[in-house]
Protein backbone atom coordinates (compact mmCIF):
# COMPACT_ATOMS: atom_id res chain seq x y z
CA MET A 1 20.63 -19.16 121.08
CA ALA A 2 16.84 -18.49 122.29
CA ARG A 3 14.17 -20.71 121.20
CA PRO A 4 11.70 -19.23 118.89
CA VAL A 5 8.39 -18.10 120.24
CA ARG A 6 5.89 -20.54 118.97
CA CYS A 7 2.92 -19.03 117.49
CA ARG A 8 -0.54 -18.93 119.69
CA ARG A 9 -3.66 -20.79 118.13
CA ILE A 10 -6.79 -18.65 118.56
CA CYS A 11 -10.28 -19.07 117.70
CA PHE A 12 -11.51 -15.60 116.58
CA GLU A 13 -10.26 -12.35 116.76
CA PRO A 14 -11.82 -9.81 119.44
CA LYS A 15 -15.00 -8.16 118.38
CA TYR A 16 -14.15 -4.84 120.63
CA ASP A 17 -10.42 -3.38 120.77
CA SER A 18 -10.24 -1.13 123.05
CA PHE A 19 -12.28 -0.42 126.56
CA ALA A 20 -11.64 3.14 128.47
CA PRO A 21 -13.12 4.79 131.44
CA CYS A 22 -16.89 6.30 131.27
CA GLY A 23 -16.83 9.76 129.69
CA ALA A 24 -13.62 10.36 127.61
CA LYS A 25 -10.57 7.75 126.99
CA SER A 26 -7.49 8.24 129.10
CA PRO A 27 -4.35 9.95 127.74
CA GLU A 28 -2.70 6.64 128.83
CA GLN A 29 -3.20 3.47 127.09
CA ILE A 30 -2.40 -0.24 127.99
CA PHE A 31 -1.84 -2.92 125.37
CA LEU A 32 -3.22 -6.20 125.66
CA THR A 33 -2.15 -8.79 122.75
CA VAL A 34 -4.78 -11.14 121.13
CA ASP A 35 -3.08 -14.07 122.60
CA GLU A 36 -3.45 -12.73 125.78
CA PHE A 37 -7.12 -11.79 125.28
CA GLU A 38 -7.55 -15.35 124.04
CA ALA A 39 -6.14 -16.77 127.23
CA VAL A 40 -8.23 -14.69 129.47
CA ARG A 41 -11.47 -15.77 127.39
CA LEU A 42 -10.55 -19.07 127.55
CA ILE A 43 -9.94 -19.13 131.71
CA ASP A 44 -12.05 -16.63 133.06
CA HIS A 45 -15.14 -16.79 130.30
CA GLU A 46 -15.13 -20.50 128.75
CA LYS A 47 -14.08 -21.64 132.49
CA ARG A 48 -11.13 -24.06 131.06
CA THR A 49 -8.23 -24.91 133.12
CA HIS A 50 -4.75 -23.58 132.41
CA GLU A 51 -3.93 -27.04 130.94
CA GLN A 52 -7.12 -27.21 128.73
CA CYS A 53 -6.30 -23.68 127.80
CA ALA A 54 -2.66 -24.79 126.84
CA ARG A 55 -3.59 -27.37 124.72
CA GLN A 56 -6.26 -25.24 122.56
CA MET A 57 -3.70 -22.70 122.06
CA GLY A 58 -1.17 -24.93 121.02
CA ILE A 59 1.23 -24.13 123.64
CA SER A 60 2.83 -25.06 126.94
CA ARG A 61 0.74 -24.82 130.48
CA THR A 62 3.73 -22.60 131.65
CA THR A 63 3.16 -20.23 128.46
CA VAL A 64 -0.38 -20.05 129.28
CA THR A 65 -0.36 -19.14 132.75
CA GLU A 66 2.53 -16.21 132.26
CA MET A 67 0.08 -14.81 129.49
CA TYR A 68 -2.39 -15.16 131.97
CA GLU A 69 -1.00 -13.32 134.90
CA ARG A 70 0.09 -10.62 132.50
CA ALA A 71 -2.88 -10.20 131.23
CA ARG A 72 -4.75 -9.99 134.34
CA SER A 73 -2.33 -7.48 135.73
CA LYS A 74 -2.80 -5.28 132.89
CA ILE A 75 -6.42 -5.45 132.87
CA ALA A 76 -6.46 -4.58 136.86
CA ASP A 77 -4.09 -1.46 135.88
CA CYS A 78 -6.56 -0.18 133.58
CA LEU A 79 -9.86 -0.86 136.25
CA VAL A 80 -8.00 0.58 139.10
CA ASN A 81 -6.28 3.73 137.16
CA GLY A 82 -8.62 4.39 134.82
CA LYS A 83 -6.42 3.71 131.84
CA THR A 84 -7.27 2.51 128.51
CA LEU A 85 -7.28 -0.85 127.28
CA CYS A 86 -6.37 -1.59 124.09
CA ILE A 87 -6.39 -5.08 122.40
CA SER A 88 -3.73 -5.35 119.33
CA GLY A 89 -0.85 -7.32 118.06
CA GLY A 90 0.47 -10.60 119.49
CA ASN A 91 2.14 -13.83 118.02
CA TYR A 92 -1.03 -15.69 117.07
CA ALA A 93 -2.51 -17.33 114.15
CA LEU A 94 -6.49 -18.09 113.69
CA CYS A 95 -7.53 -21.49 114.22
CA ASP A 96 -8.47 -23.53 111.21
CA GLY A 97 -10.87 -25.96 113.02
CA SER A 98 -8.02 -28.64 113.54
CA ALA A 99 -7.59 -28.02 117.13
CA TRP A 100 -9.24 -30.85 119.69
CA ARG A 101 -12.11 -29.24 121.59
CA CYS A 102 -11.84 -25.85 119.94
CA CYS A 103 -14.70 -23.50 119.56
CA GLY A 104 -17.45 -25.68 118.09
CA LYS A 105 -19.26 -24.17 115.17
CA LYS A 106 -16.91 -21.28 114.90
CA CYS A 107 -14.29 -23.75 113.74
CA GLY A 108 -16.46 -26.66 112.10
CA ARG A 109 -15.97 -28.65 115.42
CA ALA A 110 -19.42 -29.44 116.05
CA GLY A 111 -20.28 -31.38 119.26
CA GLN A 112 -17.60 -29.72 121.35
CA GLU A 113 -19.24 -27.63 123.61
CA SER A 114 -17.05 -25.10 125.77
CA GLY A 115 -16.80 -25.90 129.70
CA LEU A 116 -16.73 -29.34 129.06
CA PRO A 117 -14.20 -31.58 131.39
CA ASP A 118 -11.22 -32.54 129.02
CA THR A 119 -12.51 -36.21 128.79
CA ALA A 120 -16.04 -35.37 127.85
CA GLY A 121 -15.03 -33.99 124.52
CA LEU A 122 -14.04 -37.55 123.52
CA LYS A 123 -17.42 -38.74 123.79
CA LYS A 124 -18.65 -36.33 121.66
CA GLU A 125 -16.55 -36.84 118.61
CA GLU A 126 -18.26 -39.50 116.55
CA ASN A 127 -16.34 -41.20 113.65
CA LYS A 128 -13.26 -39.89 115.24
CA LYS A 129 -10.12 -41.79 114.96
CA MET A 130 -7.28 -41.33 117.58
CA LYS A 131 -4.13 -43.22 118.49
CA ILE A 132 -3.62 -43.36 122.13
CA ALA A 133 -0.12 -43.89 123.93
CA VAL A 134 0.17 -45.41 127.28
CA THR A 135 3.75 -45.73 129.07
CA TYR A 136 3.64 -49.38 129.80
CA GLU A 137 5.02 -51.77 132.74
CA ASN A 138 3.56 -55.18 132.91
CA GLY A 139 -0.28 -54.22 132.29
CA ASN A 140 0.01 -50.94 134.30
CA VAL A 141 0.75 -47.22 133.49
CA PHE A 142 4.51 -46.82 133.97
CA GLN A 143 4.92 -44.00 136.38
CA HIS A 144 8.14 -42.34 134.85
CA PHE A 145 7.57 -41.12 131.32
CA GLY A 146 11.42 -40.38 130.67
CA HIS A 147 12.39 -43.94 131.72
CA THR A 148 9.42 -46.07 129.96
CA GLU A 149 10.73 -48.78 128.25
CA GLN A 150 7.70 -49.46 126.83
CA PHE A 151 4.30 -48.01 125.17
CA LYS A 152 1.03 -49.54 124.49
CA LEU A 153 -0.13 -47.86 121.43
CA TYR A 154 -4.10 -47.90 120.95
CA GLU A 155 -5.92 -47.47 117.52
CA ILE A 156 -9.11 -45.74 118.18
CA GLU A 157 -12.10 -45.58 115.98
CA ASP A 158 -15.69 -44.23 116.75
CA GLY A 159 -14.77 -44.34 120.65
CA LYS A 160 -13.89 -48.04 120.77
CA ILE A 161 -10.28 -49.80 120.93
CA VAL A 162 -9.78 -51.46 117.50
CA GLU A 163 -6.19 -52.49 117.83
CA ALA A 164 -3.37 -52.37 120.19
CA GLN A 165 0.12 -53.59 120.50
CA VAL A 166 3.66 -52.85 122.76
CA VAL A 167 6.05 -51.31 121.49
CA ASP A 168 9.90 -50.82 122.61
CA THR A 169 11.36 -47.39 123.28
CA ASN A 170 14.71 -48.79 122.31
CA GLY A 171 16.50 -47.13 125.19
CA ASN A 172 15.46 -43.98 124.25
CA GLY A 173 14.31 -41.42 127.28
CA HIS A 174 13.18 -38.03 127.37
CA GLY A 175 13.05 -35.73 124.67
CA ALA A 176 13.42 -38.23 122.20
CA LEU A 177 10.35 -39.97 123.46
CA ALA A 178 8.00 -37.18 122.09
CA GLY A 179 9.68 -37.66 118.73
CA MET A 180 8.83 -41.17 118.71
CA LEU A 181 5.17 -40.72 119.62
CA SER A 182 4.96 -38.00 117.06
CA ALA A 183 6.42 -40.43 114.46
CA TRP A 184 3.70 -42.69 115.31
CA LYS A 185 1.19 -40.29 115.05
CA VAL A 186 -0.14 -40.56 118.26
CA ASP A 187 -2.40 -37.66 119.12
CA THR A 188 -2.96 -38.70 122.96
CA LEU A 189 -0.49 -39.81 125.99
CA ILE A 190 -1.58 -41.31 129.10
CA CYS A 191 1.04 -41.78 131.71
CA GLY A 192 2.48 -41.15 135.43
CA GLY A 193 4.51 -38.49 136.55
CA ILE A 194 6.37 -36.39 133.54
CA GLY A 195 8.85 -33.55 133.66
CA ALA A 196 8.00 -29.99 132.44
CA GLY A 197 10.41 -30.30 129.51
CA ALA A 198 8.62 -33.34 128.20
CA GLN A 199 5.17 -31.61 128.88
CA ASN A 200 6.18 -28.57 126.70
CA ALA A 201 7.89 -31.14 124.06
CA LEU A 202 4.16 -32.74 123.93
CA ALA A 203 2.52 -29.81 123.78
CA GLU A 204 4.61 -28.42 120.85
CA ALA A 205 3.96 -31.76 119.05
CA GLY A 206 0.19 -31.52 119.37
CA ILE A 207 0.11 -34.29 121.89
CA ARG A 208 -2.80 -34.25 124.62
CA LEU A 209 -1.40 -35.42 128.16
CA TYR A 210 -3.53 -37.19 130.60
CA GLY A 211 -0.64 -37.60 133.62
CA GLY A 212 -0.92 -38.53 137.08
CA VAL A 213 -2.53 -41.73 135.99
CA SER A 214 -1.95 -45.21 137.77
CA GLY A 215 -3.56 -48.72 137.51
CA SER A 216 -4.16 -50.97 134.70
CA ALA A 217 -3.41 -49.36 131.44
CA ASP A 218 -6.42 -50.88 129.41
CA GLU A 219 -8.24 -49.60 132.03
CA ALA A 220 -7.08 -46.10 131.69
CA VAL A 221 -7.59 -46.16 128.23
CA GLU A 222 -11.53 -47.05 128.19
CA ALA A 223 -12.23 -44.81 131.27
CA LEU A 224 -10.69 -41.70 129.03
CA LEU A 225 -13.07 -42.98 126.20
CA ALA A 226 -15.75 -43.11 128.58
CA GLY A 227 -15.31 -39.68 129.69
CA LYS A 228 -14.34 -40.88 133.45
CA LEU A 229 -10.63 -41.17 133.40
CA GLU A 230 -8.85 -39.51 136.72
CA PHE A 231 -5.75 -37.50 135.77
CA ASP A 232 -3.77 -34.86 137.48
CA PRO A 233 -3.45 -31.60 134.87
CA ASP A 234 -0.42 -30.02 137.17
CA VAL A 235 1.16 -33.42 137.16
CA HIS A 236 4.92 -33.28 137.69
CA CYS A 237 7.94 -35.43 137.72
CA ASP A 238 8.08 -36.91 141.55
CA HIS A 239 10.95 -39.63 141.42
CA HIS A 240 13.98 -38.21 142.89
CA GLY A 241 15.86 -40.97 144.17
CA HIS A 242 14.15 -43.61 142.44
CA HIS A 243 17.40 -43.99 139.86
CA GLY A 244 20.29 -43.29 141.99
CA GLU A 245 22.35 -40.61 143.12
CA GLY A 246 22.64 -37.32 141.22
CA HIS A 247 19.25 -37.54 139.09
CA ASN A 248 17.62 -34.14 139.32
CA CYS A 249 14.92 -33.73 137.12
CA GLY A 250 15.20 -30.69 134.54
CA GLU A 251 18.96 -29.88 135.80
CA ASN A 252 20.68 -31.89 133.38
CA PRO A 253 20.12 -33.19 129.58
CA HIS A 254 18.86 -36.45 130.99
CA GLY A 255 16.68 -35.16 133.85
CA CYS A 256 13.34 -35.80 133.45
CA GLY A 257 12.75 -32.03 132.25
CA GLY A 258 15.06 -32.40 129.86
CA LYS A 259 14.11 -32.38 126.01
């Protein structure tokens, strides 16, 4: 059975619902959905990355890319062929102000200016409580999310670490890990490599992802809180062969892309 389409979160509906060539409306209309419009607004107007856009809209980065490319194709068709662009419909819900790095005063999230890098928004949120998880091994960021045996959990208040503990995954892997993080009320994950399926599961759980990180786990968290964490927004699983023959990410239920 096909997976249900996840509702896309938008900050506000467009001020204008149609655009037409100068002079008169074209008899041929192209329809741009409101969620497609939001993807273009965030990426082209607000200069967000696809990863940032995905987090704000509450969907996967792959979905954002597909929507964005589809929207750009529609806009190009209107510009080149003189068609009328109409903005209407789509599977979306208006933001209630709970989204991280949302739209500032429009959604009641003061201090989160559009266009700032991902980590910069953390410094602006005073009195913000967070729970950060890091894939963990011997003090460092473990590099393969789906095979991590431990997470280190950090309780954050006012931009400072107030408590930290190491917890075992008890042999769980891949799709189960996103559920564990959600049950622990984790809102942010720092890790090394991670498959697309796991990224989608985290996005659907509302967990922010900072992948492609290596080195000390404690230093990574401190860098995140300082707005200086170096991470890869396009991180992917890159450990074929590290776990024996037959490991193939995303092609079986136990691959890194599995859920």
